[in-house]
């Protein structure tokens, strides 16, 4: 609702109604997927940082690689060793990210430093790969570490 008053003043107000069923138990509001994933990451600095990096819409090879490293720091092992993906898929991702001839100006290393994989990932494929890794790790039971 917008109300215009004299002398150039205006006031804006948002109103909403809540419907209640008489005799029905009141249901708690449901969390969104984003809220639930953030709740699952809370307490793990590595997962919190991975989600923070993911929230930025900038997708580059170094950024995606950093997200993978934060996931692996949280797990205490490589994502393939944790059973989240195959060793070949992780290697395809890392070799593509590291090879300037494939990943272009956003490569993690200089031209000629690494040999390109036979079947390099595209940036959209790498983005989807890391999205899946985040979803999987955030649905795992909490990782506990010994003192």
N, C-alpha and C. Protein backbone atom coordinates (compact mmCIF):
# COMPACT_ATOMS: atom_id res chain seq x y z
N UNK A 1 0.85 -1.15 0.00
CA UNK A 1 0.00 0.00 0.00
C UNK A 1 0.90 1.23 0.00
N UNK A 2 0.62 2.16 -0.89
CA UNK A 2 1.36 3.41 -0.94
C UNK A 2 0.37 4.54 -0.69
N UNK A 3 0.71 5.44 0.21
CA UNK A 3 -0.14 6.57 0.54
C UNK A 3 0.63 7.83 0.21
N UNK A 4 0.02 8.72 -0.57
CA UNK A 4 0.63 10.01 -0.88
C UNK A 4 -0.01 11.07 -0.02
N UNK A 5 0.80 11.85 0.67
CA UNK A 5 0.31 12.93 1.50
C UNK A 5 0.67 14.25 0.85
N UNK A 6 0.04 15.32 1.26
CA UNK A 6 0.34 16.63 0.70
C UNK A 6 1.77 17.04 1.03
N UNK A 7 2.27 18.04 0.38
CA UNK A 7 3.60 18.60 0.56
C UNK A 7 4.69 17.63 0.13
N UNK A 8 4.38 16.72 -0.81
CA UNK A 8 5.40 15.86 -1.38
C UNK A 8 5.83 14.69 -0.51
N UNK A 9 5.14 14.39 0.54
CA UNK A 9 5.50 13.26 1.39
C UNK A 9 4.77 12.01 0.92
N UNK A 10 5.44 10.89 1.01
CA UNK A 10 4.77 9.63 0.70
C UNK A 10 5.17 8.61 1.76
N UNK A 11 4.31 7.65 1.95
CA UNK A 11 4.56 6.62 2.93
C UNK A 11 4.26 5.29 2.27
N UNK A 12 5.11 4.32 2.54
CA UNK A 12 4.93 2.99 1.97
C UNK A 12 4.79 1.99 3.11
N UNK A 13 3.88 1.07 2.96
CA UNK A 13 3.66 0.07 3.99
C UNK A 13 3.38 -1.27 3.33
N UNK A 14 3.96 -2.31 3.88
CA UNK A 14 3.67 -3.66 3.40
C UNK A 14 2.81 -4.34 4.44
N UNK A 15 1.78 -5.00 3.99
CA UNK A 15 0.89 -5.72 4.90
C UNK A 15 0.74 -7.14 4.38
N UNK A 16 0.56 -8.06 5.28
CA UNK A 16 0.26 -9.42 4.90
C UNK A 16 -0.67 -10.04 5.93
N UNK A 17 -1.33 -11.08 5.52
CA UNK A 17 -2.25 -11.77 6.41
C UNK A 17 -1.75 -13.19 6.65
N UNK A 18 -2.06 -13.70 7.80
CA UNK A 18 -1.72 -15.07 8.14
C UNK A 18 -3.02 -15.83 8.32
N UNK A 19 -3.15 -16.92 7.59
CA UNK A 19 -4.35 -17.73 7.72
C UNK A 19 -4.11 -18.81 8.77
N UNK A 20 -5.05 -18.97 9.65
CA UNK A 20 -4.96 -20.01 10.66
C UNK A 20 -6.21 -20.87 10.59
N UNK A 21 -6.00 -22.15 10.75
CA UNK A 21 -7.14 -23.06 10.81
C UNK A 21 -7.45 -23.31 12.28
N UNK A 22 -8.68 -23.12 12.63
CA UNK A 22 -9.09 -23.34 14.01
C UNK A 22 -9.10 -24.85 14.27
N UNK A 23 -8.46 -25.25 15.36
CA UNK A 23 -8.42 -26.65 15.73
C UNK A 23 -7.29 -27.42 15.07
N UNK A 24 -6.57 -26.82 14.13
CA UNK A 24 -5.45 -27.48 13.46
C UNK A 24 -4.15 -27.07 14.15
N UNK A 25 -3.22 -28.00 14.31
CA UNK A 25 -1.93 -27.62 14.89
C UNK A 25 -1.18 -26.69 13.92
N UNK A 26 -0.56 -25.67 14.47
CA UNK A 26 0.16 -24.71 13.64
C UNK A 26 1.48 -25.32 13.19
N UNK A 27 1.77 -25.22 11.88
CA UNK A 27 2.99 -25.79 11.34
C UNK A 27 4.11 -24.76 11.36
N UNK A 28 5.33 -25.25 11.63
CA UNK A 28 6.50 -24.37 11.61
C UNK A 28 6.80 -24.00 10.16
N UNK A 29 7.33 -22.79 9.94
CA UNK A 29 7.73 -22.43 8.58
C UNK A 29 8.84 -23.38 8.11
N UNK A 30 8.79 -23.77 6.86
CA UNK A 30 9.79 -24.66 6.29
C UNK A 30 11.02 -23.87 5.86
N UNK A 31 12.19 -24.43 6.11
CA UNK A 31 13.44 -23.80 5.66
C UNK A 31 13.57 -23.98 4.15
N UNK A 32 14.20 -23.00 3.51
CA UNK A 32 14.53 -23.15 2.10
C UNK A 32 15.74 -24.06 1.99
N UNK A 33 16.04 -24.54 0.80
CA UNK A 33 17.21 -25.39 0.60
C UNK A 33 18.47 -24.62 0.99
N UNK A 34 18.55 -23.35 0.61
CA UNK A 34 19.73 -22.54 0.94
C UNK A 34 19.90 -22.40 2.45
N UNK A 35 18.80 -22.17 3.16
CA UNK A 35 18.87 -22.05 4.62
C UNK A 35 19.32 -23.37 5.26
N UNK A 36 18.82 -24.47 4.74
CA UNK A 36 19.19 -25.77 5.29
C UNK A 36 20.66 -26.08 5.03
N UNK A 37 21.14 -25.77 3.84
CA UNK A 37 22.55 -26.02 3.52
C UNK A 37 23.46 -25.15 4.37
N UNK A 38 23.08 -23.90 4.57
CA UNK A 38 23.87 -23.01 5.41
C UNK A 38 23.90 -23.52 6.85
N UNK A 39 22.78 -24.01 7.33
CA UNK A 39 22.73 -24.59 8.68
C UNK A 39 23.67 -25.78 8.79
N UNK A 40 23.70 -26.61 7.75
CA UNK A 40 24.57 -27.79 7.77
C UNK A 40 26.05 -27.41 7.74
N UNK A 41 26.37 -26.26 7.10
CA UNK A 41 27.77 -25.82 7.00
C UNK A 41 28.25 -25.13 8.27
N UNK A 42 27.32 -24.61 9.07
CA UNK A 42 27.69 -23.87 10.27
C UNK A 42 28.54 -24.73 11.19
N UNK A 43 29.63 -24.16 11.65
CA UNK A 43 30.54 -24.89 12.54
C UNK A 43 31.74 -25.45 11.82
N UNK A 44 31.69 -25.49 10.49
CA UNK A 44 32.85 -25.93 9.71
C UNK A 44 33.36 -24.72 8.94
N UNK A 45 34.48 -24.14 9.37
CA UNK A 45 34.99 -22.96 8.66
C UNK A 45 35.24 -23.22 7.18
N UNK A 46 35.63 -24.45 6.85
CA UNK A 46 35.90 -24.78 5.44
C UNK A 46 34.62 -24.81 4.62
N UNK A 47 33.57 -25.42 5.15
CA UNK A 47 32.31 -25.44 4.41
C UNK A 47 31.65 -24.07 4.36
N UNK A 48 31.77 -23.32 5.44
CA UNK A 48 31.23 -21.96 5.44
C UNK A 48 31.90 -21.13 4.35
N UNK A 49 33.23 -21.25 4.23
CA UNK A 49 33.96 -20.51 3.21
C UNK A 49 33.61 -21.02 1.82
N UNK A 50 33.49 -22.33 1.65
CA UNK A 50 33.11 -22.89 0.35
C UNK A 50 31.76 -22.34 -0.09
N UNK A 51 30.79 -22.28 0.82
CA UNK A 51 29.48 -21.73 0.48
C UNK A 51 29.55 -20.24 0.19
N UNK A 52 30.37 -19.53 0.94
CA UNK A 52 30.54 -18.09 0.69
C UNK A 52 31.13 -17.85 -0.70
N UNK A 53 32.13 -18.64 -1.07
CA UNK A 53 32.72 -18.52 -2.41
C UNK A 53 31.71 -18.90 -3.48
N UNK A 54 30.91 -19.90 -3.22
CA UNK A 54 29.89 -20.35 -4.17
C UNK A 54 28.80 -19.29 -4.35
N UNK A 55 28.49 -18.57 -3.28
CA UNK A 55 27.42 -17.56 -3.34
C UNK A 55 27.78 -16.43 -4.30
N UNK A 56 29.07 -16.16 -4.47
CA UNK A 56 29.51 -15.16 -5.44
C UNK A 56 29.33 -15.79 -6.82
N UNK A 57 28.61 -15.13 -7.69
CA UNK A 57 28.30 -15.70 -9.00
C UNK A 57 29.50 -15.80 -9.94
N UNK A 58 30.65 -15.25 -9.54
CA UNK A 58 31.85 -15.35 -10.37
C UNK A 58 32.32 -16.80 -10.40
N UNK A 59 32.36 -17.37 -11.57
CA UNK A 59 32.82 -18.75 -11.73
C UNK A 59 34.08 -18.73 -12.57
N UNK A 60 35.18 -19.10 -11.97
CA UNK A 60 36.46 -19.19 -12.67
C UNK A 60 37.14 -20.47 -12.20
N UNK A 61 38.15 -20.91 -12.95
CA UNK A 61 38.86 -22.12 -12.55
C UNK A 61 39.51 -21.98 -11.18
N UNK A 62 40.21 -20.88 -10.89
CA UNK A 62 40.79 -20.76 -9.55
C UNK A 62 39.73 -20.78 -8.44
N UNK A 63 38.59 -20.13 -8.69
CA UNK A 63 37.52 -20.08 -7.68
C UNK A 63 36.95 -21.47 -7.45
N UNK A 64 36.67 -22.20 -8.52
CA UNK A 64 36.13 -23.55 -8.37
C UNK A 64 37.14 -24.48 -7.68
N UNK A 65 38.40 -24.33 -8.05
CA UNK A 65 39.44 -25.16 -7.43
C UNK A 65 39.52 -24.88 -5.92
N UNK A 66 39.41 -23.62 -5.57
CA UNK A 66 39.44 -23.23 -4.15
C UNK A 66 38.27 -23.84 -3.40
N UNK A 67 37.10 -23.86 -4.01
CA UNK A 67 35.93 -24.48 -3.38
C UNK A 67 36.20 -25.96 -3.14
N UNK A 68 36.78 -26.63 -4.15
CA UNK A 68 37.11 -28.05 -3.97
C UNK A 68 38.11 -28.24 -2.83
N UNK A 69 39.12 -27.38 -2.76
CA UNK A 69 40.10 -27.49 -1.68
C UNK A 69 39.47 -27.29 -0.31
N UNK A 70 38.53 -26.37 -0.19
CA UNK A 70 37.85 -26.16 1.10
C UNK A 70 37.02 -27.38 1.48
N UNK A 71 36.36 -27.98 0.50
CA UNK A 71 35.60 -29.21 0.77
C UNK A 71 36.55 -30.30 1.25
N UNK A 72 37.69 -30.44 0.57
CA UNK A 72 38.64 -31.48 0.95
C UNK A 72 39.27 -31.21 2.32
N UNK A 73 39.50 -29.96 2.65
CA UNK A 73 40.01 -29.63 3.99
C UNK A 73 38.99 -30.04 5.05
N UNK A 74 37.73 -29.79 4.76
CA UNK A 74 36.66 -30.19 5.69
C UNK A 74 36.65 -31.71 5.87
N UNK A 75 36.77 -32.43 4.76
CA UNK A 75 36.71 -33.90 4.81
C UNK A 75 37.98 -34.52 5.37
N UNK A 76 39.10 -33.82 5.23
CA UNK A 76 40.37 -34.37 5.64
C UNK A 76 40.96 -35.34 4.62
N UNK A 77 40.41 -35.36 3.43
CA UNK A 77 40.88 -36.21 2.34
C UNK A 77 40.34 -35.69 1.01
N UNK A 78 40.89 -36.19 -0.09
CA UNK A 78 40.39 -35.81 -1.41
C UNK A 78 38.95 -36.28 -1.58
N UNK A 79 38.21 -35.57 -2.42
CA UNK A 79 36.80 -35.91 -2.60
C UNK A 79 36.61 -37.31 -3.18
N UNK A 80 37.56 -37.77 -4.01
CA UNK A 80 37.44 -39.13 -4.54
C UNK A 80 37.71 -40.17 -3.44
N UNK A 81 38.67 -39.89 -2.57
CA UNK A 81 38.97 -40.81 -1.46
C UNK A 81 37.79 -40.87 -0.48
N UNK A 82 37.01 -39.79 -0.41
CA UNK A 82 35.83 -39.76 0.46
C UNK A 82 34.61 -40.42 -0.20
N UNK A 83 34.77 -40.84 -1.47
CA UNK A 83 33.67 -41.51 -2.16
C UNK A 83 32.66 -40.57 -2.80
N UNK A 84 33.00 -39.29 -2.90
CA UNK A 84 32.08 -38.33 -3.49
C UNK A 84 32.09 -38.36 -5.01
N UNK A 85 33.21 -38.79 -5.60
CA UNK A 85 33.35 -38.90 -7.05
C UNK A 85 34.45 -39.91 -7.35
N UNK A 86 34.64 -40.20 -8.62
CA UNK A 86 35.72 -41.11 -9.01
C UNK A 86 37.04 -40.36 -9.05
N UNK A 87 38.13 -41.10 -8.94
CA UNK A 87 39.46 -40.50 -9.05
C UNK A 87 39.65 -39.89 -10.45
N UNK A 88 39.12 -40.54 -11.47
CA UNK A 88 39.24 -40.02 -12.83
C UNK A 88 38.53 -38.67 -12.99
N UNK A 89 37.37 -38.53 -12.37
CA UNK A 89 36.63 -37.27 -12.47
C UNK A 89 37.36 -36.15 -11.75
N UNK A 90 37.90 -36.44 -10.57
CA UNK A 90 38.67 -35.42 -9.85
C UNK A 90 39.90 -35.02 -10.66
N UNK A 91 40.59 -36.00 -11.23
CA UNK A 91 41.78 -35.72 -12.04
C UNK A 91 41.42 -34.90 -13.29
N UNK A 92 40.31 -35.23 -13.92
CA UNK A 92 39.86 -34.47 -15.10
C UNK A 92 39.63 -33.01 -14.71
N UNK A 93 38.99 -32.78 -13.57
CA UNK A 93 38.76 -31.42 -13.09
C UNK A 93 40.08 -30.70 -12.81
N UNK A 94 40.95 -31.33 -12.02
CA UNK A 94 42.18 -30.64 -11.60
C UNK A 94 43.11 -30.40 -12.77
N UNK A 95 43.24 -31.36 -13.68
CA UNK A 95 44.13 -31.16 -14.82
C UNK A 95 43.60 -30.08 -15.76
N UNK A 96 42.28 -30.02 -15.92
CA UNK A 96 41.71 -28.96 -16.75
C UNK A 96 41.96 -27.60 -16.11
N UNK A 97 41.71 -27.50 -14.80
CA UNK A 97 41.90 -26.23 -14.09
C UNK A 97 43.34 -25.77 -14.13
N UNK A 98 44.28 -26.70 -14.11
CA UNK A 98 45.70 -26.37 -14.04
C UNK A 98 46.33 -26.08 -15.40
N UNK A 99 45.69 -26.45 -16.49
CA UNK A 99 46.30 -26.37 -17.81
C UNK A 99 45.83 -25.13 -18.56
N UNK A 100 46.73 -24.20 -18.77
CA UNK A 100 46.41 -22.94 -19.46
C UNK A 100 45.92 -23.17 -20.88
N UNK A 101 46.45 -24.19 -21.54
CA UNK A 101 46.04 -24.46 -22.92
C UNK A 101 44.56 -24.85 -23.02
N UNK A 102 43.99 -25.31 -21.93
CA UNK A 102 42.59 -25.72 -21.92
C UNK A 102 41.71 -24.69 -21.22
N UNK A 103 42.09 -24.28 -20.04
CA UNK A 103 41.22 -23.39 -19.26
C UNK A 103 41.44 -21.92 -19.56
N UNK A 104 42.40 -21.60 -20.39
CA UNK A 104 42.58 -20.23 -20.87
C UNK A 104 43.18 -19.30 -19.84
N UNK A 105 42.80 -18.02 -19.92
CA UNK A 105 43.43 -17.02 -19.06
C UNK A 105 43.16 -17.21 -17.57
N UNK A 106 42.15 -18.00 -17.22
CA UNK A 106 41.85 -18.26 -15.81
C UNK A 106 42.49 -19.54 -15.31
N UNK A 107 43.45 -20.09 -16.07
CA UNK A 107 44.14 -21.29 -15.61
C UNK A 107 44.88 -20.99 -14.32
N UNK A 108 45.09 -22.00 -13.53
CA UNK A 108 45.78 -21.83 -12.25
C UNK A 108 47.29 -21.73 -12.43
N UNK A 109 47.82 -22.18 -13.60
CA UNK A 109 49.26 -22.21 -13.80
C UNK A 109 49.63 -21.70 -15.19
N UNK A 110 50.90 -21.52 -15.43
CA UNK A 110 51.41 -20.98 -16.70
C UNK A 110 51.28 -21.97 -17.85
N UNK A 111 51.28 -21.43 -19.05
CA UNK A 111 51.26 -22.24 -20.26
C UNK A 111 52.45 -23.19 -20.27
N UNK A 112 52.20 -24.44 -20.66
CA UNK A 112 53.25 -25.44 -20.78
C UNK A 112 53.63 -26.14 -19.50
N UNK A 113 53.06 -25.76 -18.39
CA UNK A 113 53.46 -26.38 -17.11
C UNK A 113 52.84 -27.76 -16.92
N UNK A 114 51.62 -27.98 -17.43
CA UNK A 114 50.93 -29.26 -17.27
C UNK A 114 50.43 -29.76 -18.62
N UNK A 115 50.25 -31.06 -18.72
CA UNK A 115 49.69 -31.68 -19.91
C UNK A 115 48.16 -31.70 -19.76
N UNK A 116 47.49 -31.27 -20.81
CA UNK A 116 46.03 -31.22 -20.78
C UNK A 116 45.44 -32.63 -20.74
N UNK A 117 44.30 -32.80 -20.08
CA UNK A 117 43.64 -34.11 -20.09
C UNK A 117 43.09 -34.40 -21.49
N UNK A 118 42.89 -35.68 -21.81
CA UNK A 118 42.34 -36.06 -23.11
C UNK A 118 40.93 -35.52 -23.31
N UNK A 119 40.17 -35.47 -22.23
CA UNK A 119 38.78 -35.03 -22.29
C UNK A 119 38.57 -33.92 -21.26
N UNK A 120 39.02 -32.68 -21.56
CA UNK A 120 38.92 -31.61 -20.57
C UNK A 120 37.47 -31.23 -20.27
N UNK A 121 37.25 -30.74 -19.07
CA UNK A 121 35.92 -30.22 -18.68
C UNK A 121 35.76 -28.81 -19.22
N UNK A 122 34.54 -28.47 -19.53
CA UNK A 122 34.24 -27.07 -19.82
C UNK A 122 33.98 -26.38 -18.48
N UNK A 123 34.02 -25.06 -18.46
CA UNK A 123 33.75 -24.34 -17.22
C UNK A 123 32.34 -24.63 -16.70
N UNK A 124 31.31 -24.68 -17.57
CA UNK A 124 29.98 -25.06 -17.06
C UNK A 124 29.94 -26.48 -16.48
N UNK A 125 30.68 -27.42 -17.08
CA UNK A 125 30.74 -28.78 -16.52
C UNK A 125 31.43 -28.78 -15.16
N UNK A 126 32.50 -28.01 -15.05
CA UNK A 126 33.23 -27.92 -13.78
C UNK A 126 32.35 -27.28 -12.71
N UNK A 127 31.58 -26.27 -13.09
CA UNK A 127 30.67 -25.61 -12.17
C UNK A 127 29.63 -26.60 -11.65
N UNK A 128 29.06 -27.37 -12.54
CA UNK A 128 28.07 -28.37 -12.13
C UNK A 128 28.71 -29.44 -11.25
N UNK A 129 29.92 -29.85 -11.58
CA UNK A 129 30.65 -30.84 -10.78
C UNK A 129 30.81 -30.34 -9.34
N UNK A 130 31.24 -29.10 -9.17
CA UNK A 130 31.45 -28.55 -7.82
C UNK A 130 30.12 -28.31 -7.11
N UNK A 131 29.08 -27.96 -7.84
CA UNK A 131 27.75 -27.81 -7.24
C UNK A 131 27.32 -29.14 -6.64
N UNK A 132 27.53 -30.22 -7.39
CA UNK A 132 27.18 -31.56 -6.89
C UNK A 132 28.02 -31.94 -5.67
N UNK A 133 29.31 -31.61 -5.70
CA UNK A 133 30.18 -31.93 -4.57
C UNK A 133 29.70 -31.20 -3.31
N UNK A 134 29.34 -29.93 -3.45
CA UNK A 134 28.84 -29.16 -2.31
C UNK A 134 27.56 -29.77 -1.76
N UNK A 135 26.63 -30.10 -2.65
CA UNK A 135 25.37 -30.69 -2.19
C UNK A 135 25.60 -32.01 -1.47
N UNK A 136 26.48 -32.83 -2.01
CA UNK A 136 26.74 -34.13 -1.39
C UNK A 136 27.37 -33.95 -0.01
N UNK A 137 28.42 -33.13 0.07
CA UNK A 137 29.14 -32.99 1.35
C UNK A 137 28.25 -32.32 2.40
N UNK A 138 27.36 -31.45 2.00
CA UNK A 138 26.49 -30.79 2.97
C UNK A 138 25.37 -31.71 3.45
N UNK A 139 25.17 -32.80 2.76
CA UNK A 139 24.16 -33.76 3.20
C UNK A 139 24.75 -34.91 3.99
N UNK A 140 26.09 -34.97 4.05
CA UNK A 140 26.75 -36.02 4.82
C UNK A 140 26.58 -35.76 6.32
N UNK A 141 26.67 -36.80 7.14
CA UNK A 141 26.70 -36.56 8.59
C UNK A 141 27.90 -35.70 8.94
N UNK A 142 27.79 -34.95 9.99
CA UNK A 142 28.88 -34.05 10.41
C UNK A 142 30.17 -34.81 10.61
N UNK A 143 31.27 -34.22 10.14
CA UNK A 143 32.59 -34.81 10.31
C UNK A 143 33.12 -34.39 11.66
N UNK A 144 33.58 -35.35 12.44
CA UNK A 144 34.18 -35.02 13.74
C UNK A 144 35.66 -35.30 13.67
N UNK A 145 36.42 -34.45 14.31
CA UNK A 145 37.87 -34.64 14.31
C UNK A 145 38.31 -34.91 15.73
N UNK A 146 39.36 -35.70 15.86
CA UNK A 146 39.90 -36.01 17.20
C UNK A 146 40.79 -34.88 17.67
N UNK A 147 40.86 -34.65 19.00
CA UNK A 147 41.73 -33.58 19.50
C UNK A 147 43.18 -33.90 19.32
